[in-house]
Amino acid sequence: MTDATDPLYGYFSAVAGADGQIDALELQRCLTSSGISGSYKPFSYETSRLCISLLDRDYSGTMGFDEFKELWNVLNQ
């Protein structure tokens, strides 16, 4: 499956914007608005930054689609 045909890609690209990368602030907004946290408080900026640093395979300080998809799968398990 290519990125463009993956159902999650549309969501990713809407969050990532023109640069095609998600930074910690974008990730914080995305995870908080997705409702994935349930009844917990919104994701903090620090939590978002740590999520990126744990999965940042290319050391860019941001998340590309593959890294975002990996995080999304972990959070949904």
Protein backbone atom coordinates (compact mmCIF):
# COMPACT_ATOMS: atom_id res chain seq x y z
CA MET A 1 0.00 0.00 0.00
CA THR A 2 1.40 3.37 -0.94
CA ASP A 3 1.19 6.33 1.40
CA ALA A 4 -1.49 8.04 -0.70
CA THR A 5 -3.80 5.00 -0.56
CA ASP A 6 -3.39 4.48 3.19
CA PRO A 7 -6.54 5.73 4.99
CA LEU A 8 -4.43 7.39 7.69
CA TYR A 9 -2.46 9.42 5.12
CA GLY A 10 -5.26 11.93 4.57
CA TYR A 11 -5.38 12.67 8.28
CA PHE A 12 -1.59 12.88 8.45
CA SER A 13 -1.32 15.26 5.50
CA ALA A 14 -4.03 17.54 6.93
CA VAL A 15 -2.08 17.80 10.19
CA ALA A 16 1.36 18.00 8.61
CA GLY A 17 0.55 20.72 6.12
CA ALA A 18 2.72 21.75 3.19
CA ASP A 19 6.04 20.59 4.67
CA GLY A 20 4.81 16.98 5.02
CA GLN A 21 6.22 16.70 8.55
CA ILE A 22 4.60 16.88 11.97
CA ASP A 23 6.38 18.83 14.69
CA ALA A 24 5.68 18.57 18.42
CA LEU A 25 3.08 21.35 18.46
CA GLU A 26 1.19 19.83 15.52
CA LEU A 27 1.35 16.40 17.15
CA GLN A 28 0.05 17.80 20.44
CA ARG A 29 -2.94 19.39 18.67
CA CYS A 30 -3.55 16.26 16.59
CA LEU A 31 -3.51 13.80 19.49
CA THR A 32 -5.58 16.04 21.73
CA SER A 33 -8.26 16.71 19.11
CA SER A 34 -8.38 13.05 17.99
CA GLY A 35 -9.88 11.98 21.32
CA ILE A 36 -7.31 9.18 21.54
CA SER A 37 -6.53 10.22 25.12
CA GLY A 38 -10.04 9.37 26.27
CA SER A 39 -10.91 11.13 29.51
CA TYR A 40 -7.29 12.03 30.26
CA LYS A 41 -6.02 15.59 30.09
CA PRO A 42 -4.79 16.84 26.71
CA PHE A 43 -1.38 15.67 25.58
CA SER A 44 1.31 18.02 26.81
CA TYR A 45 3.87 19.57 24.53
CA GLU A 46 6.58 17.63 26.36
CA THR A 47 4.78 14.31 25.81
CA SER A 48 4.46 15.12 22.11
CA ARG A 49 8.13 16.05 21.90
CA LEU A 50 9.10 12.79 23.60
CA CYS A 51 6.91 10.76 21.23
CA ILE A 52 8.69 12.33 18.29
CA SER A 53 12.15 11.75 19.76
CA LEU A 54 11.37 8.07 20.43
CA LEU A 55 10.29 7.40 16.85
CA ASP A 56 12.40 9.91 14.92
CA ARG A 57 14.27 7.48 12.67
CA ASP A 58 15.81 10.18 10.48
CA TYR A 59 16.70 12.53 13.36
CA SER A 60 14.80 15.42 11.80
CA GLY A 61 13.03 16.47 15.01
CA THR A 62 9.72 15.92 13.22
CA MET A 63 7.58 12.95 12.14
CA GLY A 64 7.14 11.78 8.62
CA PHE A 65 4.22 9.56 7.66
CA ASP A 66 5.87 6.23 8.54
CA GLU A 67 6.85 7.49 11.99
CA PHE A 68 3.38 8.95 12.57
CA LYS A 69 1.75 5.70 11.47
CA GLU A 70 3.92 3.74 13.90
CA LEU A 71 2.92 6.04 16.78
CA TRP A 72 -0.76 5.90 15.80
CA ASN A 73 -0.70 2.09 15.77
CA VAL A 74 0.93 1.93 19.22
CA LEU A 75 -1.55 4.39 20.72
CA ASN A 76 -4.51 2.49 19.31
CA GLN A 77 -3.47 -0.85 20.79
